[in-house]
Amino acid sequence: MNTKDKTKAIVILGMLTAIEVLFSFTAIGSIPVGPLVITLNTIPLAIGAIALGPVGGLVMGSIFGLLSFLQCLSIGVPSGMGIILFDINPFLAFVQRFVPRALDGLLVGLLHRALEKKIGGKTTSFVSGFSAAFLNTALFMSALVLLFGNTDYMQEKINGQNILVFICTFVGLNAVVEMLLTTVVCGAVGTALYQAHFLPMSNVQSKRKEA
């Protein structure tokens, strides 16, 4: 990576971090839709993965995870569940909040790099947006059940249900709307970045352009 690309990467990460902080510490990152609350925090993560690959995704995922953990301490927009989990076990609460988000960013970055070469960066941006929201929900809930499933708090919520049924019921329609929203926004942003030649053209796109 040359100096120009390094500067570009630093600027992108700085802007996305500022957006992530804004989403985590204010009500801007939560959109009330009737009885639902749609969170926007996976959008900067996905854009970081689209623009900067696995490293950018990992950095933005780690920032998202750290800010999510701070909400367990009532820093920013407090998380009721996070506060309870922190009271049960602070270390596991950190792992449950941080690791899934960092892993989410890394995986989305790897996925984007792999698919970009096959179907083009514009199309892959939509796939990456969806994957970021889907993996965030899947990894977050898996860590919740794995690390806290045996606690009285979680046993009361699970209430004898099948784990998959519990997860689907718990995340509900919120997760579906978040996936759709993240897919559309990240796809649009990624497409704009590729059209503006801000991001490198993929092999597929280059061949189509030459044709």
N, C-alpha and C. Protein backbone atom coordinates (compact mmCIF):
# COMPACT_ATOMS: atom_id res chain seq x y z
N MET A 1 0.85 -1.20 0.00
CA MET A 1 0.00 0.00 0.00
C MET A 1 0.88 1.24 0.00
N ASN A 2 0.69 2.11 -1.01
CA ASN A 2 1.51 3.31 -1.10
C ASN A 2 1.02 4.38 -0.12
N THR A 3 1.75 5.48 -0.06
CA THR A 3 1.43 6.54 0.90
C THR A 3 0.04 7.12 0.66
N LYS A 4 -0.33 7.27 -0.62
CA LYS A 4 -1.64 7.82 -0.94
C LYS A 4 -2.76 6.90 -0.45
N ASP A 5 -2.58 5.61 -0.65
CA ASP A 5 -3.59 4.65 -0.20
C ASP A 5 -3.66 4.59 1.32
N LYS A 6 -2.51 4.69 1.97
CA LYS A 6 -2.49 4.69 3.44
C LYS A 6 -3.24 5.90 3.99
N THR A 7 -3.00 7.05 3.37
CA THR A 7 -3.70 8.26 3.80
C THR A 7 -5.20 8.12 3.59
N LYS A 8 -5.58 7.56 2.43
CA LYS A 8 -6.98 7.35 2.13
C LYS A 8 -7.62 6.42 3.16
N ALA A 9 -6.89 5.34 3.53
CA ALA A 9 -7.41 4.38 4.50
C ALA A 9 -7.61 5.02 5.87
N ILE A 10 -6.66 5.85 6.28
CA ILE A 10 -6.75 6.53 7.58
C ILE A 10 -7.95 7.47 7.60
N VAL A 11 -8.15 8.19 6.50
CA VAL A 11 -9.28 9.12 6.42
C VAL A 11 -10.60 8.37 6.49
N ILE A 12 -10.70 7.26 5.75
CA ILE A 12 -11.92 6.45 5.76
C ILE A 12 -12.21 5.92 7.15
N LEU A 13 -11.18 5.36 7.80
CA LEU A 13 -11.38 4.81 9.15
C LEU A 13 -11.77 5.90 10.14
N GLY A 14 -11.17 7.08 9.99
CA GLY A 14 -11.51 8.18 10.88
C GLY A 14 -12.96 8.60 10.73
N MET A 15 -13.42 8.72 9.49
CA MET A 15 -14.80 9.12 9.23
C MET A 15 -15.78 8.06 9.73
N LEU A 16 -15.48 6.79 9.45
CA LEU A 16 -16.38 5.71 9.86
C LEU A 16 -16.40 5.57 11.38
N THR A 17 -15.27 5.79 12.03
CA THR A 17 -15.23 5.73 13.49
C THR A 17 -16.10 6.84 14.10
N ALA A 18 -16.02 8.03 13.52
CA ALA A 18 -16.84 9.14 14.01
C ALA A 18 -18.33 8.81 13.86
N ILE A 19 -18.70 8.19 12.74
CA ILE A 19 -20.09 7.80 12.53
C ILE A 19 -20.51 6.73 13.52
N GLU A 20 -19.62 5.77 13.76
CA GLU A 20 -19.91 4.69 14.72
C GLU A 20 -20.12 5.23 16.12
N VAL A 21 -19.29 6.18 16.52
CA VAL A 21 -19.42 6.81 17.83
C VAL A 21 -20.76 7.55 17.92
N LEU A 22 -21.09 8.27 16.85
CA LEU A 22 -22.36 9.01 16.82
C LEU A 22 -23.54 8.05 16.95
N PHE A 23 -23.49 6.94 16.24
CA PHE A 23 -24.57 5.96 16.30
C PHE A 23 -24.68 5.33 17.69
N SER A 24 -23.53 5.10 18.34
CA SER A 24 -23.53 4.40 19.63
C SER A 24 -23.87 5.31 20.80
N PHE A 25 -23.54 6.59 20.69
CA PHE A 25 -23.69 7.50 21.82
C PHE A 25 -24.90 8.41 21.72
N THR A 26 -25.62 8.35 20.61
CA THR A 26 -26.81 9.19 20.46
C THR A 26 -27.96 8.35 19.91
N ALA A 27 -29.13 8.94 19.90
CA ALA A 27 -30.32 8.24 19.39
C ALA A 27 -30.34 8.16 17.88
N ILE A 28 -29.38 8.81 17.20
CA ILE A 28 -29.33 8.80 15.74
C ILE A 28 -29.16 7.39 15.21
N GLY A 29 -28.44 6.56 15.96
CA GLY A 29 -28.17 5.20 15.51
C GLY A 29 -29.32 4.23 15.72
N SER A 30 -30.42 4.71 16.26
CA SER A 30 -31.58 3.85 16.50
C SER A 30 -32.81 4.49 15.89
N ILE A 31 -33.44 3.77 14.96
CA ILE A 31 -34.61 4.31 14.27
C ILE A 31 -35.87 3.59 14.76
N PRO A 32 -36.74 4.28 15.45
CA PRO A 32 -37.99 3.64 15.88
C PRO A 32 -38.95 3.47 14.71
N VAL A 33 -39.40 2.26 14.48
CA VAL A 33 -40.38 1.97 13.44
C VAL A 33 -41.52 1.23 14.10
N GLY A 34 -42.55 1.97 14.50
CA GLY A 34 -43.64 1.34 15.26
C GLY A 34 -43.08 0.81 16.57
N PRO A 35 -43.31 -0.47 16.85
CA PRO A 35 -42.81 -1.06 18.07
C PRO A 35 -41.35 -1.50 17.97
N LEU A 36 -40.76 -1.36 16.77
CA LEU A 36 -39.40 -1.83 16.53
C LEU A 36 -38.39 -0.70 16.70
N VAL A 37 -37.14 -1.09 17.00
CA VAL A 37 -36.02 -0.15 17.02
C VAL A 37 -34.94 -0.73 16.11
N ILE A 38 -34.65 -0.05 15.02
CA ILE A 38 -33.69 -0.53 14.05
C ILE A 38 -32.35 0.15 14.30
N THR A 39 -31.29 -0.63 14.52
CA THR A 39 -29.97 -0.07 14.78
C THR A 39 -29.16 0.02 13.49
N LEU A 40 -28.31 1.03 13.42
CA LEU A 40 -27.53 1.30 12.22
C LEU A 40 -26.04 0.99 12.40
N ASN A 41 -25.66 0.43 13.54
CA ASN A 41 -24.25 0.28 13.87
C ASN A 41 -23.45 -0.62 12.94
N THR A 42 -24.12 -1.55 12.25
CA THR A 42 -23.38 -2.43 11.36
C THR A 42 -23.02 -1.76 10.03
N ILE A 43 -23.61 -0.60 9.74
CA ILE A 43 -23.35 0.06 8.46
C ILE A 43 -21.90 0.54 8.35
N PRO A 44 -21.34 1.28 9.34
CA PRO A 44 -19.93 1.66 9.24
C PRO A 44 -19.00 0.46 9.17
N LEU A 45 -19.34 -0.61 9.90
CA LEU A 45 -18.55 -1.84 9.87
C LEU A 45 -18.50 -2.40 8.45
N ALA A 46 -19.66 -2.50 7.82
CA ALA A 46 -19.73 -3.06 6.47
C ALA A 46 -19.00 -2.18 5.46
N ILE A 47 -19.15 -0.89 5.57
CA ILE A 47 -18.48 0.02 4.63
C ILE A 47 -16.97 -0.06 4.81
N GLY A 48 -16.51 -0.20 6.05
CA GLY A 48 -15.09 -0.38 6.30
C GLY A 48 -14.55 -1.64 5.64
N ALA A 49 -15.35 -2.72 5.71
CA ALA A 49 -14.95 -3.98 5.08
C ALA A 49 -14.97 -3.86 3.56
N ILE A 50 -15.95 -3.14 3.01
CA ILE A 50 -16.04 -2.96 1.56
C ILE A 50 -14.87 -2.13 1.04
N ALA A 51 -14.55 -1.04 1.74
CA ALA A 51 -13.52 -0.12 1.27
C ALA A 51 -12.10 -0.60 1.55
N LEU A 52 -11.91 -1.28 2.68
CA LEU A 52 -10.55 -1.61 3.12
C LEU A 52 -10.30 -3.09 3.35
N GLY A 53 -11.28 -3.93 3.02
CA GLY A 53 -11.06 -5.36 3.12
C GLY A 53 -11.06 -5.88 4.55
N PRO A 54 -10.44 -7.05 4.78
CA PRO A 54 -10.47 -7.69 6.10
C PRO A 54 -9.89 -6.82 7.22
N VAL A 55 -8.82 -6.09 6.93
CA VAL A 55 -8.21 -5.25 7.97
C VAL A 55 -9.17 -4.12 8.37
N GLY A 56 -9.74 -3.46 7.36
CA GLY A 56 -10.70 -2.38 7.65
C GLY A 56 -11.92 -2.90 8.38
N GLY A 57 -12.39 -4.07 7.96
CA GLY A 57 -13.54 -4.68 8.63
C GLY A 57 -13.23 -5.03 10.07
N LEU A 58 -12.04 -5.58 10.30
CA LEU A 58 -11.63 -5.95 11.66
C LEU A 58 -11.50 -4.72 12.55
N VAL A 59 -10.93 -3.66 12.02
CA VAL A 59 -10.77 -2.43 12.80
C VAL A 59 -12.14 -1.85 13.16
N MET A 60 -13.03 -1.74 12.19
CA MET A 60 -14.34 -1.17 12.46
C MET A 60 -15.18 -2.09 13.34
N GLY A 61 -15.03 -3.41 13.15
CA GLY A 61 -15.73 -4.35 14.02
C GLY A 61 -15.26 -4.25 15.46
N SER A 62 -13.96 -4.06 15.63
CA SER A 62 -13.40 -3.93 16.98
C SER A 62 -13.89 -2.65 17.65
N ILE A 63 -13.96 -1.57 16.87
CA ILE A 63 -14.46 -0.31 17.42
C ILE A 63 -15.94 -0.46 17.81
N PHE A 64 -16.71 -1.09 16.94
CA PHE A 64 -18.13 -1.35 17.22
C PHE A 64 -18.26 -2.18 18.50
N GLY A 65 -17.43 -3.22 18.62
CA GLY A 65 -17.50 -4.08 19.80
C GLY A 65 -17.13 -3.35 21.08
N LEU A 66 -16.11 -2.51 21.00
CA LEU A 66 -15.70 -1.75 22.18
C LEU A 66 -16.78 -0.77 22.61
N LEU A 67 -17.37 -0.07 21.65
CA LEU A 67 -18.44 0.88 21.98
C LEU A 67 -19.66 0.14 22.53
N SER A 68 -19.92 -1.04 22.00
CA SER A 68 -21.04 -1.85 22.49
C SER A 68 -20.81 -2.26 23.94
N PHE A 69 -19.55 -2.58 24.27
CA PHE A 69 -19.25 -2.95 25.66
C PHE A 69 -19.39 -1.75 26.59
N LEU A 70 -18.99 -0.57 26.12
CA LEU A 70 -19.12 0.63 26.95
C LEU A 70 -20.57 0.90 27.31
N GLN A 71 -21.50 0.49 26.45
CA GLN A 71 -22.92 0.66 26.75
C GLN A 71 -23.34 -0.19 27.94
N CYS A 72 -22.59 -1.27 28.20
CA CYS A 72 -22.86 -2.09 29.39
C CYS A 72 -22.52 -1.32 30.66
N LEU A 73 -21.69 -0.29 30.51
CA LEU A 73 -21.29 0.55 31.64
C LEU A 73 -22.09 1.85 31.67
N SER A 74 -23.16 1.89 30.88
CA SER A 74 -24.03 3.07 30.76
C SER A 74 -23.28 4.26 30.16
N ILE A 75 -22.26 3.98 29.36
CA ILE A 75 -21.56 5.02 28.63
C ILE A 75 -22.16 5.08 27.24
N GLY A 76 -22.67 6.25 26.85
CA GLY A 76 -23.40 6.34 25.59
C GLY A 76 -24.85 5.98 25.84
N VAL A 77 -25.46 5.32 24.87
CA VAL A 77 -26.85 4.85 25.02
C VAL A 77 -26.80 3.54 25.80
N PRO A 78 -27.31 3.50 27.04
CA PRO A 78 -27.19 2.30 27.89
C PRO A 78 -27.90 1.10 27.29
N SER A 79 -27.33 -0.07 27.52
CA SER A 79 -27.95 -1.33 27.11
C SER A 79 -28.45 -2.05 28.36
N GLY A 80 -29.76 -2.21 28.47
CA GLY A 80 -30.32 -2.87 29.64
C GLY A 80 -29.78 -4.28 29.81
N MET A 81 -29.77 -5.05 28.72
CA MET A 81 -29.24 -6.41 28.79
C MET A 81 -27.75 -6.39 29.10
N GLY A 82 -27.02 -5.48 28.46
CA GLY A 82 -25.58 -5.41 28.69
C GLY A 82 -25.24 -5.12 30.14
N ILE A 83 -26.01 -4.25 30.76
CA ILE A 83 -25.78 -3.91 32.18
C ILE A 83 -25.98 -5.15 33.05
N ILE A 84 -27.01 -5.93 32.75
CA ILE A 84 -27.28 -7.14 33.52
C ILE A 84 -26.18 -8.17 33.31
N LEU A 85 -25.74 -8.35 32.07
CA LEU A 85 -24.69 -9.31 31.78
C LEU A 85 -23.37 -8.90 32.43
N PHE A 86 -23.11 -7.61 32.46
CA PHE A 86 -21.89 -7.11 33.11
C PHE A 86 -21.92 -7.41 34.60
N ASP A 87 -23.08 -7.27 35.22
CA ASP A 87 -23.22 -7.58 36.64
C ASP A 87 -23.00 -9.07 36.91
N ILE A 88 -23.38 -9.91 35.94
CA ILE A 88 -23.20 -11.35 36.11
C ILE A 88 -21.74 -11.73 35.98
N ASN A 89 -21.09 -11.24 34.90
CA ASN A 89 -19.68 -11.56 34.66
C ASN A 89 -19.09 -10.51 33.73
N PRO A 90 -18.31 -9.56 34.25
CA PRO A 90 -17.78 -8.48 33.42
C PRO A 90 -16.92 -8.97 32.26
N PHE A 91 -16.07 -9.97 32.51
CA PHE A 91 -15.18 -10.46 31.45
C PHE A 91 -15.97 -11.10 30.31
N LEU A 92 -16.90 -11.97 30.66
CA LEU A 92 -17.71 -12.63 29.63
C LEU A 92 -18.60 -11.62 28.90
N ALA A 93 -19.02 -10.59 29.61
CA ALA A 93 -19.82 -9.54 28.96
C ALA A 93 -18.97 -8.84 27.90
N PHE A 94 -17.70 -8.61 28.21
CA PHE A 94 -16.80 -7.99 27.22
C PHE A 94 -16.61 -8.90 26.01
N VAL A 95 -16.36 -10.18 26.27
CA VAL A 95 -16.17 -11.15 25.18
C VAL A 95 -17.42 -11.21 24.30
N GLN A 96 -18.57 -11.26 24.94
CA GLN A 96 -19.84 -11.40 24.21
C GLN A 96 -20.14 -10.16 23.37
N ARG A 97 -19.71 -9.01 23.82
CA ARG A 97 -19.97 -7.78 23.10
C ARG A 97 -18.90 -7.48 22.04
N PHE A 98 -17.65 -7.84 22.35
CA PHE A 98 -16.54 -7.43 21.49
C PHE A 98 -16.22 -8.44 20.38
N VAL A 99 -16.05 -9.70 20.74
CA VAL A 99 -15.58 -10.70 19.78
C VAL A 99 -16.50 -10.88 18.58
N PRO A 100 -17.83 -11.01 18.77
CA PRO A 100 -18.70 -11.19 17.59
C PRO A 100 -18.60 -10.04 16.59
N ARG A 101 -18.47 -8.81 17.08
CA ARG A 101 -18.41 -7.66 16.18
C ARG A 101 -17.07 -7.61 15.44
N ALA A 102 -15.96 -7.89 16.15
CA ALA A 102 -14.66 -7.92 15.49
C ALA A 102 -14.61 -9.02 14.44
N LEU A 103 -15.13 -10.19 14.79
CA LEU A 103 -15.16 -11.32 13.86
C LEU A 103 -16.08 -11.01 12.67
N ASP A 104 -17.17 -10.33 12.91
CA ASP A 104 -18.10 -9.94 11.86
C ASP A 104 -17.38 -9.10 10.80
N GLY A 105 -16.67 -8.08 11.25
CA GLY A 105 -15.95 -7.21 10.32
C GLY A 105 -14.90 -7.95 9.52
N LEU A 106 -14.17 -8.83 10.18
CA LEU A 106 -13.13 -9.61 9.50
C LEU A 106 -13.73 -10.51 8.43
N LEU A 107 -14.79 -11.22 8.78
CA LEU A 107 -15.42 -12.16 7.85
C LEU A 107 -16.03 -11.43 6.65
N VAL A 108 -16.66 -10.30 6.90
CA VAL A 108 -17.27 -9.54 5.80
C VAL A 108 -16.18 -9.01 4.86
N GLY A 109 -15.07 -8.59 5.44
CA GLY A 109 -13.95 -8.13 4.61
C GLY A 109 -13.39 -9.24 3.74
N LEU A 110 -13.25 -10.42 4.30
CA LEU A 110 -12.76 -11.57 3.54
C LEU A 110 -13.76 -11.96 2.45
N LEU A 111 -15.04 -11.93 2.79
CA LEU A 111 -16.09 -12.27 1.83
C LEU A 111 -16.10 -11.28 0.67
N HIS A 112 -15.99 -10.00 1.00
CA HIS A 112 -16.02 -8.98 -0.05
C HIS A 112 -14.84 -9.14 -1.01
N ARG A 113 -13.66 -9.36 -0.46
CA ARG A 113 -12.48 -9.53 -1.31
C ARG A 113 -12.63 -10.75 -2.22
N ALA A 114 -13.19 -11.82 -1.69
CA ALA A 114 -13.33 -13.05 -2.47
C ALA A 114 -14.37 -12.90 -3.58
N LEU A 115 -15.53 -12.33 -3.26
CA LEU A 115 -16.60 -12.21 -4.25
C LEU A 115 -16.37 -11.09 -5.24
N GLU A 116 -15.62 -10.08 -4.83
CA GLU A 116 -15.36 -8.93 -5.71
C GLU A 116 -14.71 -9.39 -7.01
N LYS A 117 -13.85 -10.37 -6.92
CA LYS A 117 -13.13 -10.86 -8.10
C LYS A 117 -14.02 -11.67 -9.02
N LYS A 118 -15.15 -12.16 -8.49
CA LYS A 118 -16.02 -13.04 -9.27
C LYS A 118 -17.25 -12.33 -9.82
N ILE A 119 -17.86 -11.48 -9.02
CA ILE A 119 -19.11 -10.85 -9.46
C ILE A 119 -19.04 -9.33 -9.49
N GLY A 120 -17.89 -8.77 -9.16
CA GLY A 120 -17.73 -7.32 -9.21
C GLY A 120 -18.02 -6.64 -7.88
N GLY A 121 -17.34 -5.52 -7.65
CA GLY A 121 -17.45 -4.84 -6.37
C GLY A 121 -18.81 -4.25 -6.08
N LYS A 122 -19.51 -3.77 -7.12
CA LYS A 122 -20.81 -3.15 -6.90
C LYS A 122 -21.82 -4.16 -6.37
N THR A 123 -21.93 -5.29 -7.05
CA THR A 123 -22.87 -6.33 -6.60
C THR A 123 -22.46 -6.87 -5.24
N THR A 124 -21.15 -7.05 -5.05
CA THR A 124 -20.66 -7.59 -3.79
C THR A 124 -20.95 -6.66 -2.62
N SER A 125 -21.05 -5.37 -2.88
CA SER A 125 -21.34 -4.42 -1.80
C SER A 125 -22.70 -4.70 -1.17
N PHE A 126 -23.68 -5.08 -1.99
CA PHE A 126 -24.99 -5.44 -1.46
C PHE A 126 -24.89 -6.72 -0.62
N VAL A 127 -24.14 -7.70 -1.13
CA VAL A 127 -23.95 -8.96 -0.41
C VAL A 127 -23.24 -8.70 0.93
N SER A 128 -22.24 -7.84 0.90
CA SER A 128 -21.48 -7.54 2.12
C SER A 128 -22.34 -6.82 3.15
N GLY A 129 -23.21 -5.92 2.69
CA GLY A 129 -24.11 -5.23 3.61
C GLY A 129 -25.03 -6.20 4.31
N PHE A 130 -25.64 -7.09 3.54
CA PHE A 130 -26.51 -8.10 4.13
C PHE A 130 -25.74 -9.00 5.09
N SER A 131 -24.56 -9.44 4.68
CA SER A 131 -23.76 -10.35 5.50
C SER A 131 -23.35 -9.72 6.83
N ALA A 132 -23.04 -8.43 6.79
CA ALA A 132 -22.64 -7.74 8.03
C ALA A 132 -23.76 -7.77 9.06
N ALA A 133 -24.99 -7.46 8.63
CA ALA A 133 -26.12 -7.46 9.56
C ALA A 133 -26.48 -8.88 9.99
N PHE A 134 -26.46 -9.81 9.05
CA PHE A 134 -26.81 -11.20 9.37
C PHE A 134 -25.80 -11.81 10.34
N LEU A 135 -24.51 -11.66 10.04
CA LEU A 135 -23.48 -12.23 10.91
C LEU A 135 -23.46 -11.57 12.28
N ASN A 136 -23.73 -10.26 12.32
CA ASN A 136 -23.77 -9.58 13.61
C ASN A 136 -24.82 -10.20 14.51
N THR A 137 -26.01 -10.44 13.96
CA THR A 137 -27.08 -11.05 14.74
C THR A 137 -26.74 -12.49 15.12
N ALA A 138 -26.27 -13.26 14.14
CA ALA A 138 -25.97 -14.68 14.37
C ALA A 138 -24.84 -14.86 15.39
N LEU A 139 -23.77 -14.11 15.25
CA LEU A 139 -22.62 -14.25 16.15
C LEU A 139 -22.93 -13.71 17.54
N PHE A 140 -23.64 -12.58 17.59
CA PHE A 140 -24.01 -11.98 18.87
C PHE A 140 -24.89 -12.91 19.68
N MET A 141 -25.93 -13.45 19.04
CA MET A 141 -26.85 -14.34 19.74
C MET A 141 -26.19 -15.67 20.11
N SER A 142 -25.33 -16.17 19.24
CA SER A 142 -24.61 -17.42 19.55
C SER A 142 -23.72 -17.24 20.77
N ALA A 143 -23.01 -16.11 20.83
CA ALA A 143 -22.15 -15.83 21.98
C ALA A 143 -22.98 -15.65 23.25
N LEU A 144 -24.15 -15.02 23.11
CA LEU A 144 -25.03 -14.82 24.26
C LEU A 144 -25.47 -16.15 24.85
N VAL A 145 -25.91 -17.05 23.98
CA VAL A 145 -26.37 -18.36 24.45
C VAL A 145 -25.21 -19.19 24.98
N LEU A 146 -24.07 -19.15 24.29
CA LEU A 146 -22.92 -19.96 24.68
C LEU A 146 -22.34 -19.52 26.02
N LEU A 147 -22.22 -18.21 26.22
CA LEU A 147 -21.55 -17.70 27.42
C LEU A 147 -22.49 -17.50 28.60
N PHE A 148 -23.75 -17.22 28.33
CA PHE A 148 -24.69 -16.90 29.42
C PHE A 148 -25.93 -17.79 29.44
N GLY A 149 -25.94 -18.80 28.58
CA GLY A 149 -27.13 -19.65 28.47
C GLY A 149 -27.53 -20.35 29.75
N ASN A 150 -26.57 -20.64 30.61
CA ASN A 150 -26.86 -21.38 31.85
C ASN A 150 -27.19 -20.46 33.02
N THR A 151 -27.15 -19.16 32.82
CA THR A 151 -27.45 -18.24 33.92
C THR A 151 -28.96 -18.18 34.14
N ASP A 152 -29.34 -17.81 35.34
CA ASP A 152 -30.77 -17.69 35.66
C ASP A 152 -31.44 -16.66 34.75
N TYR A 153 -30.72 -15.59 34.45
CA TYR A 153 -31.27 -14.53 33.60
C TYR A 153 -31.66 -15.07 32.24
N MET A 154 -30.76 -15.82 31.62
CA MET A 154 -31.03 -16.34 30.28
C MET A 154 -32.01 -17.51 30.32
N GLN A 155 -31.92 -18.33 31.35
CA GLN A 155 -32.85 -19.45 31.45
C GLN A 155 -34.29 -18.96 31.55
N GLU A 156 -34.46 -17.84 32.23
CA GLU A 156 -35.81 -17.26 32.35
C GLU A 156 -36.30 -16.78 30.98
N LYS A 157 -35.39 -16.21 30.17
CA LYS A 157 -35.77 -15.72 28.86
C LYS A 157 -36.02 -16.87 27.88
N ILE A 158 -35.16 -17.90 27.95
CA ILE A 158 -35.32 -19.04 27.05
C ILE A 158 -36.59 -19.81 27.39
N ASN A 159 -36.84 -19.97 28.69
CA ASN A 159 -38.08 -20.57 29.18
C ASN A 159 -38.39 -21.92 28.52
N GLY A 160 -37.37 -22.74 28.41
CA GLY A 160 -37.57 -24.10 27.90
C GLY A 160 -37.71 -24.21 26.39
N GLN A 161 -37.56 -23.11 25.65
CA GLN A 161 -37.70 -23.16 24.20
C GLN A 161 -36.48 -23.81 23.54
N ASN A 162 -36.68 -24.31 22.33
CA ASN A 162 -35.55 -24.71 21.51
C ASN A 162 -34.68 -23.48 21.26
N ILE A 163 -33.36 -23.65 21.26
CA ILE A 163 -32.45 -22.52 21.14
C ILE A 163 -32.70 -21.72 19.86
N LEU A 164 -32.88 -22.41 18.73
CA LEU A 164 -33.12 -21.71 17.47
C LEU A 164 -34.44 -20.93 17.51
N VAL A 165 -35.45 -21.54 18.11
CA VAL A 165 -36.74 -20.85 18.25
C VAL A 165 -36.58 -19.61 19.12
N PHE A 166 -35.83 -19.75 20.20
CA PHE A 166 -35.59 -18.62 21.11
C PHE A 166 -34.90 -17.48 20.38
N ILE A 167 -33.83 -17.81 19.62
CA ILE A 167 -33.07 -16.77 18.92
C ILE A 167 -33.95 -16.04 17.91
N CYS A 168 -34.71 -16.81 17.12
CA CYS A 168 -35.59 -16.19 16.11
C CYS A 168 -36.65 -15.32 16.77
N THR A 169 -37.20 -15.79 17.88
CA THR A 169 -38.22 -15.02 18.60
C THR A 169 -37.61 -13.77 19.22
N PHE A 170 -36.41 -13.92 19.76
CA PHE A 170 -35.75 -12.82 20.47
C PHE A 170 -35.39 -11.68 19.51
N VAL A 171 -34.79 -12.02 18.37
CA VAL A 171 -34.36 -10.97 17.44
C VAL A 171 -35.54 -10.43 16.64
N GLY A 172 -36.52 -11.32 16.39
CA GLY A 172 -37.77 -10.90 15.76
C GLY A 172 -37.61 -10.19 14.44
N LEU A 173 -38.58 -9.33 14.16
CA LEU A 173 -38.62 -8.59 12.90
C LEU A 173 -37.53 -7.54 12.83
N ASN A 174 -37.01 -7.11 13.99
CA ASN A 174 -35.95 -6.11 14.01
C ASN A 174 -34.78 -6.51 13.13
N ALA A 175 -34.33 -7.77 13.32
CA ALA A 175 -33.16 -8.25 12.59
C ALA A 175 -33.40 -8.26 11.09
N VAL A 176 -34.60 -8.63 10.68
CA VAL A 176 -34.93 -8.70 9.25
C VAL A 176 -34.88 -7.30 8.63
N VAL A 177 -35.48 -6.32 9.31
CA VAL A 177 -35.48 -4.94 8.81
C VAL A 177 -34.07 -4.38 8.78
N GLU A 178 -33.28 -4.68 9.82
CA GLU A 178 -31.89 -4.21 9.87
C GLU A 178 -31.09 -4.79 8.70
N MET A 179 -31.30 -6.06 8.39
CA MET A 179 -30.59 -6.68 7.26
C MET A 179 -30.95 -6.01 5.94
N LEU A 180 -32.24 -5.74 5.75
CA LEU A 180 -32.68 -5.09 4.52
C LEU A 180 -32.11 -3.67 4.42
N LEU A 181 -32.16 -2.94 5.52
CA LEU A 181 -31.67 -1.56 5.53
C LEU A 181 -30.16 -1.51 5.27
N THR A 182 -29.42 -2.37 5.96
CA THR A 182 -27.96 -2.40 5.79
C THR A 182 -27.58 -2.82 4.38
N THR A 183 -28.33 -3.77 3.81
CA THR A 183 -28.07 -4.21 2.44
C THR A 183 -28.22 -3.05 1.46
N VAL A 184 -29.31 -2.32 1.58
CA VAL A 184 -29.59 -1.21 0.65
C VAL A 184 -28.57 -0.08 0.81
N VAL A 185 -28.32 0.34 2.06
CA VAL A 185 -27.41 1.47 2.30
C VAL A 185 -25.98 1.13 1.86
N CYS A 186 -25.49 -0.02 2.30
CA CYS A 186 -24.10 -0.40 1.98
C CYS A 186 -23.95 -0.68 0.49
N GLY A 187 -24.98 -1.27 -0.12
CA GLY A 187 -24.92 -1.48 -1.56
C GLY A 187 -24.85 -0.17 -2.32
N ALA A 188 -25.64 0.80 -1.89
CA ALA A 188 -25.65 2.11 -2.55
C ALA A 188 -24.32 2.84 -2.36
N VAL A 189 -23.79 2.81 -1.14
CA VAL A 189 -22.51 3.47 -0.86
C VAL A 189 -21.39 2.80 -1.62
N GLY A 190 -21.36 1.45 -1.59
CA GLY A 190 -20.32 0.73 -2.31
C GLY A 190 -20.37 0.99 -3.80
N THR A 191 -21.56 0.99 -4.37
CA THR A 191 -21.72 1.27 -5.80
C THR A 191 -21.20 2.66 -6.14
N ALA A 192 -21.53 3.64 -5.30
CA ALA A 192 -21.07 5.01 -5.53
C ALA A 192 -19.55 5.10 -5.48
N LEU A 193 -18.95 4.41 -4.55
CA LEU A 193 -17.49 4.43 -4.41
C LEU A 193 -16.80 3.80 -5.62
N TYR A 194 -17.38 2.71 -6.12
CA TYR A 194 -16.80 2.07 -7.31
C TYR A 194 -17.01 2.91 -8.56
N GLN A 195 -18.19 3.50 -8.70
CA GLN A 195 -18.46 4.33 -9.87
C GLN A 195 -17.58 5.57 -9.90
N ALA A 196 -17.24 6.08 -8.71
CA ALA A 196 -16.38 7.26 -8.62
C ALA A 196 -14.91 6.90 -8.71
N HIS A 197 -14.63 5.59 -8.91
CA HIS A 197 -13.26 5.08 -8.97
C HIS A 197 -12.48 5.37 -7.69
N PHE A 198 -13.22 5.54 -6.60
CA PHE A 198 -12.57 5.71 -5.30
C PHE A 198 -11.99 4.37 -4.84
N LEU A 199 -12.67 3.30 -5.22
CA LEU A 199 -12.19 1.96 -4.94
C LEU A 199 -11.69 1.34 -6.25
N PRO A 200 -10.73 0.42 -6.19
CA PRO A 200 -10.22 -0.22 -7.41
C PRO A 200 -11.34 -0.98 -8.12
N MET A 201 -11.32 -0.93 -9.46
CA MET A 201 -12.27 -1.71 -10.24
C MET A 201 -11.88 -3.17 -10.15
N SER A 202 -12.88 -4.06 -9.99
CA SER A 202 -12.58 -5.49 -9.91
C SER A 202 -12.27 -6.02 -11.30
N ASN A 203 -11.77 -7.24 -11.35
CA ASN A 203 -11.46 -7.87 -12.62
C ASN A 203 -12.69 -7.97 -13.51
N VAL A 204 -13.81 -8.34 -12.89
CA VAL A 204 -15.04 -8.49 -13.67
C VAL A 204 -15.46 -7.17 -14.27
N GLN A 205 -15.42 -6.12 -13.46
CA GLN A 205 -15.82 -4.80 -13.94
C GLN A 205 -14.86 -4.28 -15.01
N SER A 206 -13.58 -4.53 -14.84
CA SER A 206 -12.57 -4.07 -15.79
C SER A 206 -12.78 -4.72 -17.15
N LYS A 207 -13.08 -6.03 -17.13
CA LYS A 207 -13.31 -6.73 -18.39
C LYS A 207 -14.54 -6.21 -19.09
N ARG A 208 -15.60 -5.94 -18.32
CA ARG A 208 -16.83 -5.41 -18.91
C ARG A 208 -16.58 -4.04 -19.51
N LYS A 209 -15.76 -3.24 -18.82
CA LYS A 209 -15.48 -1.89 -19.30
C LYS A 209 -14.69 -1.94 -20.60
N GLU A 210 -13.70 -2.86 -20.63
CA GLU A 210 -12.89 -3.00 -21.83
C GLU A 210 -13.73 -3.48 -23.00
N ALA A 211 -14.73 -4.39 -22.72
CA ALA A 211 -15.58 -4.92 -23.77
C ALA A 211 -16.46 -3.81 -24.35
